[in-house]
Amino acid sequence: YTYQFMEEQEYFTVSVLPADMKTAMSL
């Protein structure tokens, strides 16, 4: 699903979350 957003937008971000947010990362 992210592909269409990458194609539509000029900018993207990479966010590194803390290790204690593994549940969010998994989801």
mmCIF file of all heavy atoms, coordinates in Angstrom:
data_MODEL
# 
_entry.id   MODEL 
# 
loop_
_atom_site.group_PDB 
_atom_site.id 
_atom_site.type_symbol 
_atom_site.label_atom_id 
_atom_site.label_alt_id 
_atom_site.label_comp_id 
_atom_site.label_asym_id 
_atom_site.label_entity_id 
_atom_site.label_seq_id 
_atom_site.pdbx_PDB_ins_code 
_atom_site.Cartn_x 
_atom_site.Cartn_y 
_atom_site.Cartn_z 
_atom_site.occupancy 
_atom_site.B_iso_or_equiv 
_atom_site.pdbx_formal_charge 
_atom_site.auth_seq_id 
_atom_site.auth_comp_id 
_atom_site.auth_asym_id 
_atom_site.auth_atom_id 
_atom_site.pdbx_PDB_model_num 
ATOM 1   N N   . TYR A 1 1  ? 0.828  -1.201 0.000  1.00 0.00 ? 1  TYR A N   1 
ATOM 2   C CA  . TYR A 1 1  ? 0.000  0.000  0.000  1.00 0.00 ? 1  TYR A CA  1 
ATOM 3   C C   . TYR A 1 1  ? 0.869  1.261  0.000  1.00 0.00 ? 1  TYR A C   1 
ATOM 4   O O   . TYR A 1 1  ? 0.535  2.269  -0.629 1.00 0.00 ? 1  TYR A O   1 
ATOM 5   C CB  . TYR A 1 1  ? -0.923 -0.032 1.216  1.00 0.00 ? 1  TYR A CB  1 
ATOM 6   C CG  . TYR A 1 1  ? -1.957 1.064  1.280  1.00 0.00 ? 1  TYR A CG  1 
ATOM 7   C CD1 . TYR A 1 1  ? -2.769 1.373  0.191  1.00 0.00 ? 1  TYR A CD1 1 
ATOM 8   C CD2 . TYR A 1 1  ? -2.147 1.772  2.456  1.00 0.00 ? 1  TYR A CD2 1 
ATOM 9   C CE1 . TYR A 1 1  ? -3.727 2.362  0.258  1.00 0.00 ? 1  TYR A CE1 1 
ATOM 10  C CE2 . TYR A 1 1  ? -3.111 2.764  2.541  1.00 0.00 ? 1  TYR A CE2 1 
ATOM 11  C CZ  . TYR A 1 1  ? -3.895 3.061  1.443  1.00 0.00 ? 1  TYR A CZ  1 
ATOM 12  O OH  . TYR A 1 1  ? -4.842 4.042  1.530  1.00 0.00 ? 1  TYR A OH  1 
ATOM 13  N N   . THR A 1 2  ? 2.001  1.214  0.673  1.00 0.00 ? 2  THR A N   1 
ATOM 14  C CA  . THR A 1 2  ? 2.910  2.360  0.735  1.00 0.00 ? 2  THR A CA  1 
ATOM 15  C C   . THR A 1 2  ? 3.422  2.751  -0.647 1.00 0.00 ? 2  THR A C   1 
ATOM 16  O O   . THR A 1 2  ? 3.730  3.920  -0.887 1.00 0.00 ? 2  THR A O   1 
ATOM 17  C CB  . THR A 1 2  ? 4.094  2.053  1.680  1.00 0.00 ? 2  THR A CB  1 
ATOM 18  O OG1 . THR A 1 2  ? 3.550  1.722  2.969  1.00 0.00 ? 2  THR A OG1 1 
ATOM 19  C CG2 . THR A 1 2  ? 5.037  3.221  1.829  1.00 0.00 ? 2  THR A CG2 1 
ATOM 20  N N   . TYR A 1 3  ? 3.486  1.805  -1.571 1.00 0.00 ? 3  TYR A N   1 
ATOM 21  C CA  . TYR A 1 3  ? 3.994  2.059  -2.916 1.00 0.00 ? 3  TYR A CA  1 
ATOM 22  C C   . TYR A 1 3  ? 3.268  3.232  -3.575 1.00 0.00 ? 3  TYR A C   1 
ATOM 23  O O   . TYR A 1 3  ? 3.893  4.114  -4.152 1.00 0.00 ? 3  TYR A O   1 
ATOM 24  C CB  . TYR A 1 3  ? 3.859  0.784  -3.753 1.00 0.00 ? 3  TYR A CB  1 
ATOM 25  C CG  . TYR A 1 3  ? 4.359  0.878  -5.167 1.00 0.00 ? 3  TYR A CG  1 
ATOM 26  C CD1 . TYR A 1 3  ? 5.686  0.610  -5.461 1.00 0.00 ? 3  TYR A CD1 1 
ATOM 27  C CD2 . TYR A 1 3  ? 3.503  1.193  -6.216 1.00 0.00 ? 3  TYR A CD2 1 
ATOM 28  C CE1 . TYR A 1 3  ? 6.158  0.663  -6.766 1.00 0.00 ? 3  TYR A CE1 1 
ATOM 29  C CE2 . TYR A 1 3  ? 3.959  1.250  -7.521 1.00 0.00 ? 3  TYR A CE2 1 
ATOM 30  C CZ  . TYR A 1 3  ? 5.284  0.986  -7.793 1.00 0.00 ? 3  TYR A CZ  1 
ATOM 31  O OH  . TYR A 1 3  ? 5.743  1.041  -9.081 1.00 0.00 ? 3  TYR A OH  1 
ATOM 32  N N   . GLN A 1 4  ? 1.927  3.248  -3.487 1.00 0.00 ? 4  GLN A N   1 
ATOM 33  C CA  . GLN A 1 4  ? 1.186  4.326  -4.150 1.00 0.00 ? 4  GLN A CA  1 
ATOM 34  C C   . GLN A 1 4  ? 1.533  5.676  -3.534 1.00 0.00 ? 4  GLN A C   1 
ATOM 35  O O   . GLN A 1 4  ? 1.614  6.680  -4.244 1.00 0.00 ? 4  GLN A O   1 
ATOM 36  C CB  . GLN A 1 4  ? -0.315 4.074  -4.117 1.00 0.00 ? 4  GLN A CB  1 
ATOM 37  C CG  . GLN A 1 4  ? -1.011 4.391  -2.817 1.00 0.00 ? 4  GLN A CG  1 
ATOM 38  C CD  . GLN A 1 4  ? -2.500 4.122  -2.868 1.00 0.00 ? 4  GLN A CD  1 
ATOM 39  O OE1 . GLN A 1 4  ? -2.948 3.065  -3.273 1.00 0.00 ? 4  GLN A OE1 1 
ATOM 40  N NE2 . GLN A 1 4  ? -3.272 5.089  -2.445 1.00 0.00 ? 4  GLN A NE2 1 
ATOM 41  N N   . PHE A 1 5  ? 1.793  5.723  -2.240 1.00 0.00 ? 5  PHE A N   1 
ATOM 42  C CA  . PHE A 1 5  ? 2.172  6.984  -1.599 1.00 0.00 ? 5  PHE A CA  1 
ATOM 43  C C   . PHE A 1 5  ? 3.572  7.411  -2.044 1.00 0.00 ? 5  PHE A C   1 
ATOM 44  O O   . PHE A 1 5  ? 3.820  8.604  -2.241 1.00 0.00 ? 5  PHE A O   1 
ATOM 45  C CB  . PHE A 1 5  ? 2.114  6.841  -0.073 1.00 0.00 ? 5  PHE A CB  1 
ATOM 46  C CG  . PHE A 1 5  ? 0.714  6.646  0.446  1.00 0.00 ? 5  PHE A CG  1 
ATOM 47  C CD1 . PHE A 1 5  ? 0.161  5.377  0.559  1.00 0.00 ? 5  PHE A CD1 1 
ATOM 48  C CD2 . PHE A 1 5  ? -0.059 7.733  0.823  1.00 0.00 ? 5  PHE A CD2 1 
ATOM 49  C CE1 . PHE A 1 5  ? -1.121 5.201  1.032  1.00 0.00 ? 5  PHE A CE1 1 
ATOM 50  C CE2 . PHE A 1 5  ? -1.345 7.570  1.295  1.00 0.00 ? 5  PHE A CE2 1 
ATOM 51  C CZ  . PHE A 1 5  ? -1.882 6.296  1.399  1.00 0.00 ? 5  PHE A CZ  1 
ATOM 52  N N   . MET A 1 6  ? 4.459  6.455  -2.188 1.00 0.00 ? 6  MET A N   1 
ATOM 53  C CA  . MET A 1 6  ? 5.814  6.763  -2.672 1.00 0.00 ? 6  MET A CA  1 
ATOM 54  C C   . MET A 1 6  ? 5.754  7.320  -4.091 1.00 0.00 ? 6  MET A C   1 
ATOM 55  O O   . MET A 1 6  ? 6.503  8.230  -4.447 1.00 0.00 ? 6  MET A O   1 
ATOM 56  C CB  . MET A 1 6  ? 6.697  5.517  -2.630 1.00 0.00 ? 6  MET A CB  1 
ATOM 57  C CG  . MET A 1 6  ? 7.005  5.009  -1.232 1.00 0.00 ? 6  MET A CG  1 
ATOM 58  S SD  . MET A 1 6  ? 8.039  6.113  -0.264 1.00 0.00 ? 6  MET A SD  1 
ATOM 59  C CE  . MET A 1 6  ? 9.612  5.914  -1.090 1.00 0.00 ? 6  MET A CE  1 
ATOM 60  N N   . GLU A 1 7  ? 4.863  6.773  -4.905 1.00 0.00 ? 7  GLU A N   1 
ATOM 61  C CA  . GLU A 1 7  ? 4.721  7.227  -6.289 1.00 0.00 ? 7  GLU A CA  1 
ATOM 62  C C   . GLU A 1 7  ? 4.083  8.615  -6.378 1.00 0.00 ? 7  GLU A C   1 
ATOM 63  O O   . GLU A 1 7  ? 4.401  9.378  -7.286 1.00 0.00 ? 7  GLU A O   1 
ATOM 64  C CB  . GLU A 1 7  ? 3.878  6.218  -7.089 1.00 0.00 ? 7  GLU A CB  1 
ATOM 65  C CG  . GLU A 1 7  ? 4.583  4.893  -7.318 1.00 0.00 ? 7  GLU A CG  1 
ATOM 66  C CD  . GLU A 1 7  ? 5.784  5.033  -8.229 1.00 0.00 ? 7  GLU A CD  1 
ATOM 67  O OE1 . GLU A 1 7  ? 5.619  5.472  -9.373 1.00 0.00 ? 7  GLU A OE1 1 
ATOM 68  O OE2 . GLU A 1 7  ? 6.907  4.713  -7.767 1.00 0.00 ? 7  GLU A OE2 1 
ATOM 69  N N   . GLU A 1 8  ? 3.205  8.942  -5.439 1.00 0.00 ? 8  GLU A N   1 
ATOM 70  C CA  . GLU A 1 8  ? 2.468  10.207 -5.483 1.00 0.00 ? 8  GLU A CA  1 
ATOM 71  C C   . GLU A 1 8  ? 3.243  11.375 -4.883 1.00 0.00 ? 8  GLU A C   1 
ATOM 72  O O   . GLU A 1 8  ? 2.973  12.527 -5.220 1.00 0.00 ? 8  GLU A O   1 
ATOM 73  C CB  . GLU A 1 8  ? 1.149  10.076 -4.708 1.00 0.00 ? 8  GLU A CB  1 
ATOM 74  C CG  . GLU A 1 8  ? 0.157  9.135  -5.340 1.00 0.00 ? 8  GLU A CG  1 
ATOM 75  C CD  . GLU A 1 8  ? -1.038 8.830  -4.428 1.00 0.00 ? 8  GLU A CD  1 
ATOM 76  O OE1 . GLU A 1 8  ? -1.073 9.320  -3.266 1.00 0.00 ? 8  GLU A OE1 1 
ATOM 77  O OE2 . GLU A 1 8  ? -1.924 8.087  -4.875 1.00 0.00 ? 8  GLU A OE2 1 
ATOM 78  N N   . GLN A 1 9  ? 4.154  11.103 -3.967 1.00 0.00 ? 9  GLN A N   1 
ATOM 79  C CA  . GLN A 1 9  ? 4.796  12.169 -3.209 1.00 0.00 ? 9  GLN A CA  1 
ATOM 80  C C   . GLN A 1 9  ? 6.267  12.332 -3.568 1.00 0.00 ? 9  GLN A C   1 
ATOM 81  O O   . GLN A 1 9  ? 6.937  11.376 -3.943 1.00 0.00 ? 9  GLN A O   1 
ATOM 82  C CB  . GLN A 1 9  ? 4.678  11.900 -1.704 1.00 0.00 ? 9  GLN A CB  1 
ATOM 83  C CG  . GLN A 1 9  ? 3.252  11.838 -1.210 1.00 0.00 ? 9  GLN A CG  1 
ATOM 84  C CD  . GLN A 1 9  ? 2.507  13.148 -1.401 1.00 0.00 ? 9  GLN A CD  1 
ATOM 85  O OE1 . GLN A 1 9  ? 3.047  14.229 -1.166 1.00 0.00 ? 9  GLN A OE1 1 
ATOM 86  N NE2 . GLN A 1 9  ? 1.258  13.060 -1.841 1.00 0.00 ? 9  GLN A NE2 1 
ATOM 87  N N   . GLU A 1 10 ? 6.768  13.529 -3.381 1.00 0.00 ? 10 GLU A N   1 
ATOM 88  C CA  . GLU A 1 10 ? 8.168  13.844 -3.672 1.00 0.00 ? 10 GLU A CA  1 
ATOM 89  C C   . GLU A 1 10 ? 9.078  13.512 -2.483 1.00 0.00 ? 10 GLU A C   1 
ATOM 90  O O   . GLU A 1 10 ? 10.271 13.311 -2.648 1.00 0.00 ? 10 GLU A O   1 
ATOM 91  C CB  . GLU A 1 10 ? 8.273  15.333 -4.009 1.00 0.00 ? 10 GLU A CB  1 
ATOM 92  C CG  . GLU A 1 10 ? 9.635  15.780 -4.436 1.00 0.00 ? 10 GLU A CG  1 
ATOM 93  C CD  . GLU A 1 10 ? 9.667  17.249 -4.833 1.00 0.00 ? 10 GLU A CD  1 
ATOM 94  O OE1 . GLU A 1 10 ? 8.666  17.974 -4.649 1.00 0.00 ? 10 GLU A OE1 1 
ATOM 95  O OE2 . GLU A 1 10 ? 10.719 17.684 -5.325 1.00 0.00 ? 10 GLU A OE2 1 
ATOM 96  N N   . TYR A 1 11 ? 8.491  13.440 -1.286 1.00 0.00 ? 11 TYR A N   1 
ATOM 97  C CA  . TYR A 1 11 ? 9.274  13.203 -0.071 1.00 0.00 ? 11 TYR A CA  1 
ATOM 98  C C   . TYR A 1 11 ? 8.842  11.916 0.615  1.00 0.00 ? 11 TYR A C   1 
ATOM 99  O O   . TYR A 1 11 ? 7.679  11.518 0.522  1.00 0.00 ? 11 TYR A O   1 
ATOM 100 C CB  . TYR A 1 11 ? 9.098  14.368 0.910  1.00 0.00 ? 11 TYR A CB  1 
ATOM 101 C CG  . TYR A 1 11 ? 9.722  15.658 0.426  1.00 0.00 ? 11 TYR A CG  1 
ATOM 102 C CD1 . TYR A 1 11 ? 9.024  16.510 -0.420 1.00 0.00 ? 11 TYR A CD1 1 
ATOM 103 C CD2 . TYR A 1 11 ? 11.007 16.014 0.815  1.00 0.00 ? 11 TYR A CD2 1 
ATOM 104 C CE1 . TYR A 1 11 ? 9.595  17.693 -0.868 1.00 0.00 ? 11 TYR A CE1 1 
ATOM 105 C CE2 . TYR A 1 11 ? 11.586 17.192 0.367  1.00 0.00 ? 11 TYR A CE2 1 
ATOM 106 C CZ  . TYR A 1 11 ? 10.874 18.025 -0.472 1.00 0.00 ? 11 TYR A CZ  1 
ATOM 107 O OH  . TYR A 1 11 ? 11.446 19.184 -0.914 1.00 0.00 ? 11 TYR A OH  1 
ATOM 108 N N   . PHE A 1 12 ? 9.775  11.290 1.334  1.00 0.00 ? 12 PHE A N   1 
ATOM 109 C CA  . PHE A 1 12 ? 9.479  10.159 2.200  1.00 0.00 ? 12 PHE A CA  1 
ATOM 110 C C   . PHE A 1 12 ? 10.318 10.292 3.452  1.00 0.00 ? 12 PHE A C   1 
ATOM 111 O O   . PHE A 1 12 ? 11.267 11.073 3.495  1.00 0.00 ? 12 PHE A O   1 
ATOM 112 C CB  . PHE A 1 12 ? 9.721  8.817  1.487  1.00 0.00 ? 12 PHE A CB  1 
ATOM 113 C CG  . PHE A 1 12 ? 11.159 8.536  1.114  1.00 0.00 ? 12 PHE A CG  1 
ATOM 114 C CD1 . PHE A 1 12 ? 12.040 7.923  2.002  1.00 0.00 ? 12 PHE A CD1 1 
ATOM 115 C CD2 . PHE A 1 12 ? 11.637 8.880  -0.153 1.00 0.00 ? 12 PHE A CD2 1 
ATOM 116 C CE1 . PHE A 1 12 ? 13.357 7.657  1.643  1.00 0.00 ? 12 PHE A CE1 1 
ATOM 117 C CE2 . PHE A 1 12 ? 12.947 8.624  -0.523 1.00 0.00 ? 12 PHE A CE2 1 
ATOM 118 C CZ  . PHE A 1 12 ? 13.813 7.999  0.379  1.00 0.00 ? 12 PHE A CZ  1 
ATOM 119 N N   . THR A 1 13 ? 9.964  9.535  4.479  1.00 0.00 ? 13 THR A N   1 
ATOM 120 C CA  . THR A 1 13 ? 10.740 9.566  5.714  1.00 0.00 ? 13 THR A CA  1 
ATOM 121 C C   . THR A 1 13 ? 11.072 8.156  6.184  1.00 0.00 ? 13 THR A C   1 
ATOM 122 O O   . THR A 1 13 ? 10.351 7.198  5.874  1.00 0.00 ? 13 THR A O   1 
ATOM 123 C CB  . THR A 1 13 ? 9.997  10.298 6.856  1.00 0.00 ? 13 THR A CB  1 
ATOM 124 O OG1 . THR A 1 13 ? 8.807  9.586  7.185  1.00 0.00 ? 13 THR A OG1 1 
ATOM 125 C CG2 . THR A 1 13 ? 9.662  11.726 6.471  1.00 0.00 ? 13 THR A CG2 1 
ATOM 126 N N   . VAL A 1 14 ? 12.143 8.057  6.932  1.00 0.00 ? 14 VAL A N   1 
ATOM 127 C CA  . VAL A 1 14 ? 12.502 6.835  7.643  1.00 0.00 ? 14 VAL A CA  1 
ATOM 128 C C   . VAL A 1 14 ? 12.548 7.219  9.119  1.00 0.00 ? 14 VAL A C   1 
ATOM 129 O O   . VAL A 1 14 ? 13.288 8.127  9.504  1.00 0.00 ? 14 VAL A O   1 
ATOM 130 C CB  . VAL A 1 14 ? 13.861 6.273  7.186  1.00 0.00 ? 14 VAL A CB  1 
ATOM 131 C CG1 . VAL A 1 14 ? 14.265 5.075  8.033  1.00 0.00 ? 14 VAL A CG1 1 
ATOM 132 C CG2 . VAL A 1 14 ? 13.811 5.897  5.703  1.00 0.00 ? 14 VAL A CG2 1 
ATOM 133 N N   . SER A 1 15 ? 11.715 6.564  9.930  1.00 0.00 ? 15 SER A N   1 
ATOM 134 C CA  . SER A 1 15 ? 11.654 6.819  11.369 1.00 0.00 ? 15 SER A CA  1 
ATOM 135 C C   . SER A 1 15 ? 12.097 5.563  12.102 1.00 0.00 ? 15 SER A C   1 
ATOM 136 O O   . SER A 1 15 ? 11.531 4.487  11.893 1.00 0.00 ? 15 SER A O   1 
ATOM 137 C CB  . SER A 1 15 ? 10.223 7.157  11.808 1.00 0.00 ? 15 SER A CB  1 
ATOM 138 O OG  . SER A 1 15 ? 9.745  8.315  11.178 1.00 0.00 ? 15 SER A OG  1 
ATOM 139 N N   . VAL A 1 16 ? 13.088 5.696  12.962 1.00 0.00 ? 16 VAL A N   1 
ATOM 140 C CA  . VAL A 1 16 ? 13.551 4.576  13.778 1.00 0.00 ? 16 VAL A CA  1 
ATOM 141 C C   . VAL A 1 16 ? 12.883 4.692  15.140 1.00 0.00 ? 16 VAL A C   1 
ATOM 142 O O   . VAL A 1 16 ? 13.065 5.688  15.851 1.00 0.00 ? 16 VAL A O   1 
ATOM 143 C CB  . VAL A 1 16 ? 15.086 4.587  13.932 1.00 0.00 ? 16 VAL A CB  1 
ATOM 144 C CG1 . VAL A 1 16 ? 15.542 3.470  14.867 1.00 0.00 ? 16 VAL A CG1 1 
ATOM 145 C CG2 . VAL A 1 16 ? 15.754 4.459  12.568 1.00 0.00 ? 16 VAL A CG2 1 
ATOM 146 N N   . LEU A 1 17 ? 12.077 3.680  15.476 1.00 0.00 ? 17 LEU A N   1 
ATOM 147 C CA  . LEU A 1 17 ? 11.380 3.686  16.756 1.00 0.00 ? 17 LEU A CA  1 
ATOM 148 C C   . LEU A 1 17 ? 12.231 3.008  17.828 1.00 0.00 ? 17 LEU A C   1 
ATOM 149 O O   . LEU A 1 17 ? 13.098 2.182  17.522 1.00 0.00 ? 17 LEU A O   1 
ATOM 150 C CB  . LEU A 1 17 ? 10.037 2.961  16.629 1.00 0.00 ? 17 LEU A CB  1 
ATOM 151 C CG  . LEU A 1 17 ? 9.005  3.573  15.689 1.00 0.00 ? 17 LEU A CG  1 
ATOM 152 C CD1 . LEU A 1 17 ? 7.700  2.790  15.756 1.00 0.00 ? 17 LEU A CD1 1 
ATOM 153 C CD2 . LEU A 1 17 ? 8.751  5.029  15.992 1.00 0.00 ? 17 LEU A CD2 1 
ATOM 154 N N   . PRO A 1 18 ? 11.969 3.328  19.100 1.00 0.00 ? 18 PRO A N   1 
ATOM 155 C CA  . PRO A 1 18 ? 12.694 2.670  20.184 1.00 0.00 ? 18 PRO A CA  1 
ATOM 156 C C   . PRO A 1 18 ? 12.393 1.172  20.234 1.00 0.00 ? 18 PRO A C   1 
ATOM 157 O O   . PRO A 1 18 ? 11.326 0.720  19.790 1.00 0.00 ? 18 PRO A O   1 
ATOM 158 C CB  . PRO A 1 18 ? 12.173 3.356  21.453 1.00 0.00 ? 18 PRO A CB  1 
ATOM 159 C CG  . PRO A 1 18 ? 11.363 4.517  21.016 1.00 0.00 ? 18 PRO A CG  1 
ATOM 160 C CD  . PRO A 1 18 ? 11.026 4.321  19.573 1.00 0.00 ? 18 PRO A CD  1 
ATOM 161 N N   . ALA A 1 19 ? 13.315 0.421  20.799 1.00 0.00 ? 19 ALA A N   1 
ATOM 162 C CA  . ALA A 1 19 ? 13.180 -1.039 20.879 1.00 0.00 ? 19 ALA A CA  1 
ATOM 163 C C   . ALA A 1 19 ? 11.926 -1.454 21.636 1.00 0.00 ? 19 ALA A C   1 
ATOM 164 O O   . ALA A 1 19 ? 11.365 -2.523 21.364 1.00 0.00 ? 19 ALA A O   1 
ATOM 165 C CB  . ALA A 1 19 ? 14.423 -1.641 21.534 1.00 0.00 ? 19 ALA A CB  1 
ATOM 166 N N   . ASP A 1 20 ? 11.434 -0.640 22.562 1.00 0.00 ? 20 ASP A N   1 
ATOM 167 C CA  . ASP A 1 20 ? 10.253 -1.028 23.338 1.00 0.00 ? 20 ASP A CA  1 
ATOM 168 C C   . ASP A 1 20 ? 8.946  -0.863 22.556 1.00 0.00 ? 20 ASP A C   1 
ATOM 169 O O   . ASP A 1 20 ? 7.868  -1.132 23.078 1.00 0.00 ? 20 ASP A O   1 
ATOM 170 C CB  . ASP A 1 20 ? 10.196 -0.273 24.667 1.00 0.00 ? 20 ASP A CB  1 
ATOM 171 C CG  . ASP A 1 20 ? 10.014 1.231  24.517 1.00 0.00 ? 20 ASP A CG  1 
ATOM 172 O OD1 . ASP A 1 20 ? 9.965  1.746  23.378 1.00 0.00 ? 20 ASP A OD1 1 
ATOM 173 O OD2 . ASP A 1 20 ? 9.923  1.909  25.562 1.00 0.00 ? 20 ASP A OD2 1 
ATOM 174 N N   . MET A 1 21 ? 9.035  -0.465 21.286 1.00 0.00 ? 21 MET A N   1 
ATOM 175 C CA  . MET A 1 21 ? 7.842  -0.331 20.449 1.00 0.00 ? 21 MET A CA  1 
ATOM 176 C C   . MET A 1 21 ? 7.726  -1.474 19.436 1.00 0.00 ? 21 MET A C   1 
ATOM 177 O O   . MET A 1 21 ? 7.187  -1.314 18.351 1.00 0.00 ? 21 MET A O   1 
ATOM 178 C CB  . MET A 1 21 ? 7.831  1.029  19.749 1.00 0.00 ? 21 MET A CB  1 
ATOM 179 C CG  . MET A 1 21 ? 7.702  2.192  20.728 1.00 0.00 ? 21 MET A CG  1 
ATOM 180 S SD  . MET A 1 21 ? 7.358  3.759  19.922 1.00 0.00 ? 21 MET A SD  1 
ATOM 181 C CE  . MET A 1 21 ? 5.619  3.530  19.486 1.00 0.00 ? 21 MET A CE  1 
ATOM 182 N N   . LYS A 1 22 ? 8.209  -2.661 19.813 1.00 0.00 ? 22 LYS A N   1 
ATOM 183 C CA  . LYS A 1 22 ? 8.188  -3.820 18.915 1.00 0.00 ? 22 LYS A CA  1 
ATOM 184 C C   . LYS A 1 22 ? 6.771  -4.209 18.490 1.00 0.00 ? 22 LYS A C   1 
ATOM 185 O O   . LYS A 1 22 ? 6.565  -4.676 17.376 1.00 0.00 ? 22 LYS A O   1 
ATOM 186 C CB  . LYS A 1 22 ? 8.873  -5.030 19.565 1.00 0.00 ? 22 LYS A CB  1 
ATOM 187 C CG  . LYS A 1 22 ? 10.373 -4.902 19.616 1.00 0.00 ? 22 LYS A CG  1 
ATOM 188 C CD  . LYS A 1 22 ? 10.962 -4.981 18.230 1.00 0.00 ? 22 LYS A CD  1 
ATOM 189 C CE  . LYS A 1 22 ? 12.468 -4.981 18.299 1.00 0.00 ? 22 LYS A CE  1 
ATOM 190 N NZ  . LYS A 1 22 ? 13.096 -4.710 17.037 1.00 0.00 ? 22 LYS A NZ  1 
ATOM 191 N N   . THR A 1 23 ? 5.783  -4.024 19.363 1.00 0.00 ? 23 THR A N   1 
ATOM 192 C CA  . THR A 1 23 ? 4.405  -4.358 18.996 1.00 0.00 ? 23 THR A CA  1 
ATOM 193 C C   . THR A 1 23 ? 3.944  -3.483 17.833 1.00 0.00 ? 23 THR A C   1 
ATOM 194 O O   . THR A 1 23 ? 3.343  -3.974 16.876 1.00 0.00 ? 23 THR A O   1 
ATOM 195 C CB  . THR A 1 23 ? 3.464  -4.200 20.203 1.00 0.00 ? 23 THR A CB  1 
ATOM 196 O OG1 . THR A 1 23 ? 3.922  -5.061 21.245 1.00 0.00 ? 23 THR A OG1 1 
ATOM 197 C CG2 . THR A 1 23 ? 2.037  -4.560 19.845 1.00 0.00 ? 23 THR A CG2 1 
ATOM 198 N N   . ALA A 1 24 ? 4.243  -2.198 17.901 1.00 0.00 ? 24 ALA A N   1 
ATOM 199 C CA  . ALA A 1 24 ? 3.886  -1.287 16.808 1.00 0.00 ? 24 ALA A CA  1 
ATOM 200 C C   . ALA A 1 24 ? 4.628  -1.662 15.539 1.00 0.00 ? 24 ALA A C   1 
ATOM 201 O O   . ALA A 1 24 ? 4.048  -1.667 14.443 1.00 0.00 ? 24 ALA A O   1 
ATOM 202 C CB  . ALA A 1 24 ? 4.198  0.163  17.198 1.00 0.00 ? 24 ALA A CB  1 
ATOM 203 N N   . MET A 1 25 ? 5.893  -1.986 15.669 1.00 0.00 ? 25 MET A N   1 
ATOM 204 C CA  . MET A 1 25 ? 6.689  -2.364 14.494 1.00 0.00 ? 25 MET A CA  1 
ATOM 205 C C   . MET A 1 25 ? 6.137  -3.625 13.847 1.00 0.00 ? 25 MET A C   1 
ATOM 206 O O   . MET A 1 25 ? 6.066  -3.727 12.623 1.00 0.00 ? 25 MET A O   1 
ATOM 207 C CB  . MET A 1 25 ? 8.153  -2.566 14.880 1.00 0.00 ? 25 MET A CB  1 
ATOM 208 C CG  . MET A 1 25 ? 8.848  -1.306 15.357 1.00 0.00 ? 25 MET A CG  1 
ATOM 209 S SD  . MET A 1 25 ? 8.763  0.057  14.182 1.00 0.00 ? 25 MET A SD  1 
ATOM 210 C CE  . MET A 1 25 ? 9.471  -0.677 12.752 1.00 0.00 ? 25 MET A CE  1 
ATOM 211 N N   . SER A 1 26 ? 5.737  -4.579 14.679 1.00 0.00 ? 26 SER A N   1 
ATOM 212 C CA  . SER A 1 26 ? 5.171  -5.819 14.154 1.00 0.00 ? 26 SER A CA  1 
ATOM 213 C C   . SER A 1 26 ? 3.869  -5.549 13.408 1.00 0.00 ? 26 SER A C   1 
ATOM 214 O O   . SER A 1 26 ? 3.662  -6.045 12.301 1.00 0.00 ? 26 SER A O   1 
ATOM 215 C CB  . SER A 1 26 ? 4.944  -6.808 15.296 1.00 0.00 ? 26 SER A CB  1 
ATOM 216 O OG  . SER A 1 26 ? 4.342  -7.983 14.807 1.00 0.00 ? 26 SER A OG  1 
ATOM 217 N N   . LEU A 1 27 ? 3.008  -4.750 13.992 1.00 0.00 ? 27 LEU A N   1 
ATOM 218 C CA  . LEU A 1 27 ? 1.742  -4.430 13.341 1.00 0.00 ? 27 LEU A CA  1 
ATOM 219 C C   . LEU A 1 27 ? 1.980  -3.724 12.006 1.00 0.00 ? 27 LEU A C   1 
ATOM 220 O O   . LEU A 1 27 ? 1.367  -4.070 10.999 1.00 0.00 ? 27 LEU A O   1 
ATOM 221 C CB  . LEU A 1 27 ? 0.886  -3.555 14.255 1.00 0.00 ? 27 LEU A CB  1 
ATOM 222 C CG  . LEU A 1 27 ? -0.518 -3.281 13.724 1.00 0.00 ? 27 LEU A CG  1 
ATOM 223 C CD1 . LEU A 1 27 ? -1.529 -3.346 14.838 1.00 0.00 ? 27 LEU A CD1 1 
ATOM 224 C CD2 . LEU A 1 27 ? -0.602 -1.967 12.998 1.00 0.00 ? 27 LEU A CD2 1 
# 
